[in-house]
Protein backbone atom coordinates (compact mmCIF):
# COMPACT_ATOMS: atom_id res chain seq x y z
CA MET A 1 137.61 64.63 160.93
CA SER A 2 140.87 62.79 160.29
CA THR A 3 143.40 63.94 157.74
CA SER A 4 143.20 60.67 155.86
CA SER A 5 139.43 60.91 155.42
CA ALA A 6 139.83 64.47 154.15
CA ASP A 7 142.45 63.23 151.66
CA GLU A 8 140.08 60.55 150.37
CA ARG A 9 137.24 63.00 149.94
CA LEU A 10 139.42 65.57 148.17
CA ALA A 11 140.90 62.94 145.87
CA ALA A 12 137.46 61.68 144.97
CA GLY A 13 136.36 65.19 144.07
CA ARG A 14 132.89 64.89 145.60
CA GLU A 15 130.76 65.95 148.56
CA ARG A 16 131.87 69.18 150.23
CA VAL A 17 135.28 70.67 150.91
CA VAL A 18 135.48 72.97 153.91
CA VAL A 19 137.89 75.88 153.44
CA GLY A 20 138.83 77.93 156.50
CA LEU A 21 139.95 81.55 156.30
CA LEU A 22 142.06 82.80 159.21
CA ALA A 23 142.42 86.57 159.18
CA ASP A 24 143.84 89.25 161.42
CA PRO A 25 140.85 91.01 163.02
CA GLU A 26 141.86 94.54 161.96
CA ALA A 27 141.88 96.69 158.85
CA ALA A 28 142.45 95.14 155.41
CA PRO A 29 142.78 91.44 156.39
CA ALA A 30 139.42 91.44 158.18
CA GLU A 31 137.62 93.36 155.42
CA LEU A 32 139.05 91.24 152.62
CA ALA A 33 138.27 88.00 154.48
CA ARG A 34 134.64 89.09 154.76
CA ARG A 35 134.49 89.63 151.01
CA LEU A 36 136.29 86.36 150.25
CA HIS A 37 133.72 84.54 152.38
CA HIS A 38 131.07 85.53 149.85
CA ASP A 39 133.19 85.32 146.68
CA LEU A 40 135.12 82.09 147.12
CA PRO A 41 132.40 79.41 146.76
CA GLU A 42 131.43 80.63 143.31
CA LEU A 43 135.05 81.19 142.24
CA LEU A 44 136.13 77.72 143.39
CA ALA A 45 133.18 76.05 141.69
CA GLU A 46 134.01 77.89 138.47
CA HIS A 47 137.75 77.22 138.41
CA LEU A 48 138.16 73.94 140.30
CA GLY A 49 135.07 72.07 139.16
CA ASP A 50 131.31 72.10 139.80
CA GLU A 51 131.22 68.52 141.09
CA THR A 52 132.60 69.57 144.48
CA GLY A 53 130.63 71.64 146.97
CA TRP A 54 132.59 74.42 148.67
CA ASP A 55 131.95 75.56 152.21
CA VAL A 56 133.96 78.65 153.25
CA GLN A 57 134.21 79.57 156.92
CA VAL A 58 135.97 82.56 158.48
CA SER A 59 137.69 83.00 161.83
CA TYR A 60 139.16 86.31 163.00
CA GLU A 61 142.04 86.07 165.42
CA ARG A 62 145.48 87.51 166.10
CA LEU A 63 147.80 85.56 163.85
CA PRO A 64 151.22 84.79 165.33
CA PRO A 65 153.86 87.51 165.06
CA GLY A 66 157.16 86.95 163.43
CA LYS A 67 160.11 88.80 161.97
CA GLY A 68 159.47 87.97 158.34
CA ASP A 69 158.67 84.38 159.29
CA HIS A 70 155.40 82.46 159.10
CA VAL A 71 156.19 78.95 160.33
CA SER A 72 154.00 79.59 163.36
CA MET A 73 151.11 80.48 161.03
CA LEU A 74 151.49 77.16 159.22
CA ASP A 75 151.41 75.36 162.56
CA LEU A 76 148.35 77.36 163.61
CA GLY A 77 146.60 76.49 160.37
CA ARG A 78 147.19 72.78 160.90
CA GLU A 79 145.87 73.04 164.46
CA ARG A 80 142.73 74.85 163.26
CA THR A 81 142.00 72.13 160.69
CA ARG A 82 141.82 69.68 163.59
CA ARG A 83 139.82 71.95 165.88
CA TYR A 84 137.19 73.13 163.39
CA GLY A 85 137.14 70.16 161.02
CA TRP A 86 138.40 72.22 158.08
CA ASP A 87 139.99 70.49 155.10
CA LEU A 88 142.16 73.46 154.10
CA VAL A 89 143.21 76.76 155.67
CA VAL A 90 144.25 80.06 154.12
CA CYS A 91 145.76 82.67 156.46
CA VAL A 92 145.31 86.31 155.39
CA THR A 93 147.76 88.61 157.15
CA ASP A 94 149.34 92.04 156.78
CA LEU A 95 152.67 90.73 158.09
CA PRO A 96 155.35 91.42 155.42
CA LEU A 97 157.07 88.17 154.43
CA ARG A 98 160.42 87.99 152.67
CA SER A 99 162.78 85.39 151.35
CA GLY A 100 166.12 87.15 151.50
CA THR A 101 165.38 90.39 149.66
CA ARG A 102 162.38 89.04 147.70
CA PRO A 103 158.89 89.77 149.05
CA ILE A 104 156.62 86.75 149.40
CA VAL A 105 153.02 86.97 148.20
CA ALA A 106 152.01 83.50 149.40
CA ASP A 107 153.41 80.19 150.63
CA VAL A 108 151.71 76.80 150.45
CA SER A 109 152.39 73.80 152.67
CA ARG A 110 150.51 70.63 151.76
CA ALA A 111 151.77 68.87 154.88
CA HIS A 112 150.10 71.56 157.00
CA ARG A 113 147.14 71.88 154.58
CA THR A 114 147.71 75.62 154.95
CA GLY A 115 148.52 78.57 152.76
CA VAL A 116 149.60 82.03 153.91
CA ALA A 117 148.82 85.19 151.89
CA SER A 118 150.81 88.32 152.81
CA LEU A 119 148.91 91.47 151.83
CA PRO A 120 151.78 94.01 151.72
CA ALA A 121 153.31 92.22 148.71
CA PHE A 122 150.07 92.80 146.74
CA GLY A 123 150.70 96.54 146.51
CA VAL A 124 147.95 99.16 146.64
CA THR A 125 145.66 98.90 143.62
CA ARG A 126 143.23 96.09 142.75
CA LEU A 127 143.90 94.43 146.08
CA ARG A 128 140.64 92.49 146.19
CA SER A 129 140.88 91.01 142.69
CA ARG A 130 144.55 90.09 143.13
CA LEU A 131 143.88 88.41 146.46
CA ARG A 132 141.02 86.42 144.95
CA ARG A 133 143.30 85.07 142.24
CA VAL A 134 146.07 84.16 144.67
CA VAL A 135 143.72 82.47 147.15
CA VAL A 136 142.19 80.35 144.36
CA GLN A 137 145.72 79.40 143.32
CA ILE A 138 146.62 78.54 146.93
CA ILE A 139 143.62 76.23 147.25
CA ALA A 140 144.39 74.63 143.90
CA GLU A 141 147.95 73.95 145.07
CA LEU A 142 146.72 72.47 148.35
CA LEU A 143 144.45 70.13 146.36
CA GLY A 144 147.30 69.19 144.02
CA ARG A 145 145.70 70.97 141.08
CA GLY A 146 148.32 73.63 140.49
CA ALA A 147 149.87 74.12 137.08
CA ASP A 148 152.92 72.00 137.93
CA SER A 149 151.62 69.99 140.87
CA ASP A 150 152.89 66.49 141.46
CA ASN A 151 150.13 63.91 141.64
CA HIS A 152 152.05 61.09 143.29
CA GLU A 153 150.06 61.57 146.49
CA GLN A 154 146.77 61.08 144.66
CA PRO A 155 147.04 57.98 142.43
CA HIS A 156 143.42 58.05 141.25
CA PRO A 157 142.51 61.59 140.28
CA PRO A 158 139.02 62.21 138.91
CA ALA A 159 138.55 62.23 135.18
CA ARG A 160 137.48 65.87 135.07
CA ARG A 161 140.35 67.10 137.20
CA ARG A 162 141.34 70.68 136.30
CA ARG A 163 144.77 72.23 136.43
CA VAL A 164 144.84 75.84 137.56
CA ASN A 165 147.33 78.62 136.98
CA TRP A 166 145.25 81.69 137.69
CA LEU A 167 148.15 84.02 138.41
CA THR A 168 148.59 87.19 136.36
CA GLY A 169 151.86 88.60 135.08
CA HIS A 170 152.26 90.41 138.40
CA PHE A 171 153.02 87.16 140.22
CA ASP A 172 155.39 84.23 139.67
CA ARG A 173 155.09 80.67 140.94
CA MET A 174 158.22 78.91 142.19
CA THR A 175 159.33 75.96 144.31
CA PRO A 176 161.46 77.09 147.28
CA GLU A 177 164.27 75.11 148.84
CA ARG A 178 162.38 74.51 152.06
CA GLU A 179 160.95 71.29 153.39
CA ASP A 180 157.87 72.90 154.94
CA VAL A 181 156.88 74.94 151.85
CA ASP A 182 155.85 73.25 148.61
CA VAL A 183 154.92 76.27 146.49
CA ARG A 184 155.84 79.94 146.79
CA ILE A 185 154.29 82.88 144.94
CA VAL A 186 156.37 86.03 144.60
CA ALA A 187 155.64 89.43 143.07
CA SER A 188 157.29 91.01 140.09
CA ARG A 189 158.59 94.51 140.88
CA GLY A 190 158.55 93.14 144.40
CA ARG A 191 160.37 95.89 146.30
CA GLN A 192 158.24 98.74 144.99
CA ARG A 193 155.03 96.76 145.41
CA LEU A 194 155.98 95.68 148.94
CA LEU A 195 156.84 99.24 149.97
CA ALA A 196 153.53 100.51 148.61
CA GLY A 197 151.69 97.73 150.45
CA MET A 198 153.47 98.53 153.71
CA ILE A 199 152.45 102.18 153.39
CA ARG A 200 148.85 101.16 152.69
CA ASP A 201 148.84 98.95 155.78
CA ASN A 202 150.02 101.90 157.87
CA ARG A 203 146.93 103.82 156.69
CA PRO A 204 148.61 107.26 156.55
CA TRP A 205 145.28 109.09 156.58
CA ARG A 206 144.98 108.14 160.28
CA VAL A 207 147.96 110.32 161.20
CA LEU A 208 145.70 113.38 161.30
CA LEU A 209 143.45 111.70 163.87
CA GLY A 210 146.32 110.47 166.02
CA LEU A 211 148.29 113.72 166.29
CA SER A 212 145.80 115.64 168.40
CA GLY A 213 148.48 117.83 170.00
CA ALA A 214 149.96 118.84 166.65
CA THR A 215 146.52 119.53 165.19
CA ALA A 216 145.42 121.65 168.15
CA ALA A 217 148.64 123.70 168.11
CA ALA A 218 148.46 124.21 164.34
CA LEU A 219 144.83 125.37 164.53
CA ALA A 220 145.59 127.79 167.36
CA PHE A 221 148.58 129.36 165.62
CA GLY A 222 146.76 129.33 162.28
CA ALA A 223 143.98 131.45 163.79
CA PHE A 224 146.56 133.86 165.20
CA TYR A 225 148.39 134.21 161.90
CA LEU A 226 145.11 134.71 160.06
CA VAL A 227 144.36 138.01 161.81
CA ASN A 228 147.94 139.29 161.64
CA SER A 229 148.20 142.12 159.12
CA ASN A 230 151.92 141.47 158.59
CA MET A 231 151.04 137.98 157.32
CA TRP A 232 148.60 139.53 154.85
CA GLU A 233 151.28 141.73 153.32
CA LEU A 234 153.95 139.01 153.36
CA SER A 235 151.68 136.46 151.70
CA GLN A 236 151.17 138.74 148.70
CA ALA A 237 154.86 139.59 148.44
CA LEU A 238 156.19 136.02 148.46
CA GLY A 239 154.48 134.62 145.39
CA PRO A 240 153.57 131.00 144.60
CA VAL A 241 157.14 129.66 144.32
CA ARG A 242 158.34 130.90 147.70
CA LEU A 243 155.04 129.95 149.32
CA SER A 244 155.56 126.40 147.99
CA VAL A 245 159.09 126.34 149.41
CA ALA A 246 157.74 127.53 152.78
CA THR A 247 155.15 124.75 152.79
CA LEU A 248 157.68 122.05 151.88
CA THR A 249 160.06 123.34 154.56
CA SER A 250 157.33 123.31 157.18
CA LEU A 251 156.24 119.81 156.16
CA THR A 252 159.82 118.52 156.29
CA LEU A 253 160.40 120.03 159.73
CA LEU A 254 157.20 118.48 161.08
CA VAL A 255 158.02 114.99 159.74
CA THR A 256 161.63 115.21 160.96
CA TRP A 257 160.54 116.33 164.41
CA LEU A 258 158.03 113.50 164.67
CA ILE A 259 160.68 110.92 163.77
CA VAL A 260 163.33 112.32 166.12
CA ARG A 261 161.08 113.23 169.04
CA HIS A 262 159.29 109.87 169.14
CA SER A 263 162.19 107.59 168.08
CA LEU A 264 160.54 106.38 164.88
CA TRP A 265 163.80 105.84 162.98
CA GLU A 266 165.22 102.32 163.12
CA SER A 267 168.99 101.87 162.97
CA PRO A 268 170.70 98.64 161.90
CA ARG A 269 172.59 96.68 164.49
CA HIS A 270 176.19 95.62 164.25
CA GLY A 271 176.25 92.16 162.75
CA ASP A 272 172.95 92.45 160.83
CA LEU A 273 172.93 90.52 157.57
CA PRO A 274 172.56 92.42 154.26
CA HIS A 275 168.92 91.37 153.80
CA GLU A 276 168.17 92.50 157.38
CA ARG A 277 169.69 95.91 156.66
CA ASP A 278 167.63 96.09 153.48
CA GLU A 279 164.53 95.27 155.50
CA ILE A 280 165.30 98.10 157.93
CA ARG A 281 165.69 100.51 155.01
CA MET A 282 162.29 99.43 153.71
CA PHE A 283 160.62 99.99 157.08
CA ASN A 284 162.27 103.41 157.47
CA ALA A 285 161.16 104.40 153.98
CA SER A 286 157.58 103.35 154.76
CA THR A 287 157.70 105.40 157.98
CA VAL A 288 158.89 108.55 156.21
CA ILE A 289 156.37 108.24 153.37
CA THR A 290 153.52 107.39 155.75
CA LEU A 291 154.21 110.46 157.89
CA THR A 292 154.66 112.66 154.82
CA ILE A 293 151.30 111.61 153.39
CA GLY A 294 149.60 111.94 156.78
CA THR A 295 150.99 115.39 157.55
CA ALA A 296 150.22 116.51 153.99
CA CYS A 297 146.59 115.53 154.64
CA MET A 298 146.75 117.55 157.87
CA PHE A 299 148.09 120.56 155.94
CA ALA A 300 145.34 120.22 153.34
CA GLY A 301 142.63 120.12 156.03
CA LEU A 302 144.22 123.03 157.88
CA PHE A 303 144.41 125.08 154.68
CA ALA A 304 140.73 124.45 153.94
CA LEU A 305 139.69 125.54 157.45
CA ILE A 306 141.87 128.67 157.43
CA LEU A 307 140.68 129.62 153.93
CA ALA A 308 137.05 129.23 154.99
CA ALA A 309 137.72 131.37 158.08
CA ALA A 310 139.49 134.00 155.95
CA LEU A 311 136.57 134.27 153.54
CA LEU A 312 134.16 134.53 156.45
CA LEU A 313 136.01 136.87 158.82
CA LEU A 314 138.38 139.12 156.87
CA ASP A 315 136.71 142.35 155.87
CA THR A 316 137.37 143.43 152.29
CA GLN A 317 137.81 147.11 153.14
CA VAL A 318 140.33 146.31 155.86
CA LEU A 319 142.30 144.04 153.53
CA GLU A 320 142.43 146.72 150.81
CA SER A 321 144.31 149.02 153.17
CA TYR A 322 147.13 146.44 153.39
CA VAL A 323 146.98 144.73 150.00
CA ASP A 324 147.32 146.47 146.66
CA GLY A 325 144.75 145.65 144.02
CA SER A 326 141.65 143.49 144.33
CA THR A 327 140.96 141.31 147.36
CA GLY A 328 139.45 138.28 145.69
CA LEU A 329 139.79 134.56 146.30
CA ALA A 330 143.47 134.49 145.30
CA VAL A 331 144.39 136.98 148.05
CA HIS A 332 142.52 134.98 150.69
CA ALA A 333 144.11 131.76 149.39
CA ASN A 334 147.64 133.20 149.69
CA ILE A 335 146.94 134.34 153.25
CA ALA A 336 145.63 130.88 154.16
CA TRP A 337 148.59 129.27 152.39
CA LEU A 338 151.21 131.17 154.39
CA ALA A 339 149.28 130.80 157.64
CA THR A 340 149.11 127.03 157.10
CA SER A 341 152.87 126.80 156.50
CA ALA A 342 153.64 128.78 159.64
CA ALA A 343 151.11 126.84 161.67
CA GLY A 344 152.72 123.57 160.58
CA ILE A 345 155.91 124.53 162.43
CA ALA A 346 153.85 125.22 165.54
CA GLY A 347 152.25 121.80 165.02
CA ALA A 348 155.69 120.22 165.33
CA LEU A 349 155.96 121.68 168.82
CA GLY A 350 152.47 120.44 169.59
CA THR A 351 153.53 116.84 168.93
CA SER A 352 155.55 117.03 172.15
CA PHE A 353 152.24 116.79 174.01
CA ASP A 354 151.32 113.55 172.19
CA SER A 355 152.53 110.37 173.87
CA GLU A 356 154.92 108.09 172.02
CA ARG A 357 152.35 105.30 172.13
CA ARG A 358 149.71 107.50 170.51
CA VAL A 359 152.08 108.66 167.78
CA ARG A 360 153.10 105.08 167.01
CA GLU A 361 149.46 104.01 166.81
CA ALA A 362 148.84 106.83 164.34
CA ALA A 363 151.94 106.14 162.23
CA TYR A 364 152.08 102.34 162.19
CA SER A 365 149.84 99.39 161.50
CA TYR A 366 149.29 96.83 164.24
CA ARG A 367 151.83 94.50 162.64
CA GLU A 368 154.49 97.20 162.43
CA ARG A 369 154.00 98.15 166.09
CA GLU A 370 154.21 94.48 167.00
CA ARG A 371 157.41 94.05 164.99
CA ARG A 372 159.06 97.06 166.62
CA ASP A 373 158.06 95.89 170.10
CA GLN A 374 159.56 92.49 169.36
CA LEU A 375 162.75 94.12 168.04
CA ALA A 376 163.00 96.26 171.18
CA GLN A 377 162.73 93.14 173.31
CA GLU A 378 165.42 91.40 171.25
CA ARG A 379 167.74 94.36 171.75
CA LEU A 380 166.92 94.58 175.45
CA VAL A 381 167.92 90.99 176.19
CA PRO A 382 171.55 91.34 174.95
CA ASP A 383 171.89 94.62 176.88
CA GLU A 384 170.69 92.94 180.07
CA ALA A 385 173.02 90.00 179.46
CA ARG A 386 175.91 92.40 178.92
CA GLU A 387 175.13 94.18 182.21
CA ASP A 388 175.02 90.82 184.03
CA ASP A 389 178.40 89.88 182.57
CA GLU A 390 179.87 93.19 183.69
CA LEU A 391 178.50 92.71 187.21
CA ASP A 392 179.88 89.17 187.34
CA ALA A 393 183.28 90.37 186.18
CA ARG A 394 183.23 93.16 188.72
CA GLY A 395 182.30 90.71 191.47
CA GLU A 396 185.19 88.42 190.51
CA GLU A 397 187.60 91.34 190.75
CA GLU A 398 186.31 92.34 194.18
CA SER A 399 186.20 88.81 195.67
CA PRO A 400 189.99 88.39 196.17
CA ALA A 401 190.19 91.66 198.09
CA GLN A 402 187.32 90.55 200.30
CA ASP A 403 189.13 87.25 200.96
CA GLU A 404 192.38 89.01 201.93
CA GLY A 405 190.71 91.24 204.55
CA PRO A 406 189.86 88.57 207.18
CA GLY A 407 193.28 86.98 206.68
CA GLU A 408 195.03 90.22 207.52
CA GLU A 409 192.89 90.72 210.60
CA ALA A 410 193.68 87.23 211.80
CA SER A 411 197.43 87.74 211.41
CA SER A 412 197.34 90.99 213.32
């Protein structure tokens, strides 16, 4: 299918328009693309006109990486229109996109017949409904039916042509100063929404599954503390406030140890631009919050297991000899509470048995791991170049001495 024939068919507003969805094959992009596959035909018919038939096709593949850039995705979209015979392409990715310090929700390139939707900028709540609205707007822009679209490319629009501005107050439409992007959609309260979306993409609830060493060590020490009579007495003497402080301290130590032990903190480089430093701060914040939520889930699960074990194993008569008053649920809960806090510190030591790769898989989304690998490669190349320069300089210093040696031997 040639581009010109697709233009004629779209301008005429008849027959069928084939919309391709390109999505990362993991997590939210894949799941949302599956739902869009079923939702889009009806939505497009409702908001862009019933006279056109809509055929939505989905392809799951690794979308190109990039450090906040998506030009390669636009190029990929154009290539897929030629390969699959699609009229339009919408890429759904969890790669965070930014323009300076502003998060990008979506970009539209009519020359590429491609739009890119970046999920982190959508935030956490109502992700499906927000994405549906933005994708409909992207397709409307690609067809020249956006709220402020220029129609000079389509001199004979159909009589029932509809203009669409289906964005809510959460999103703003703008025209960027870029030749390859015609329309850009950005989010209001962009920084907070982007940070929340980055944390959601990291899926912090997976941290518990990835830190097997920490979990095993915490369970082992939790069982030991549970049957320690000194812990029984101490748990009743501390009270709720000091028990809360102990839990927060244990949680902080575990998160700090994870970051330091497995090099999860990212430091800015000399010469980084202000928006690059801001980006690093955002990624570090998402790392800290992701690990905090994940380890808090681990603490909650550990507390539930220890409490259940305490109710099952601790004999009431034995407890009464160490604890004044009744030995009801509150006493067992305080014992489990303190045992969980102490076991969390042991869990920090247990993370030493988890490989750095496994910890990164638990703490980061695929895109974040990819970004950090790319950053490590970028930092490795200058280091290698610097070492080569030092070796060359050292060789130049040694070469005159090597030249003088044979001359001296000849003279003697």
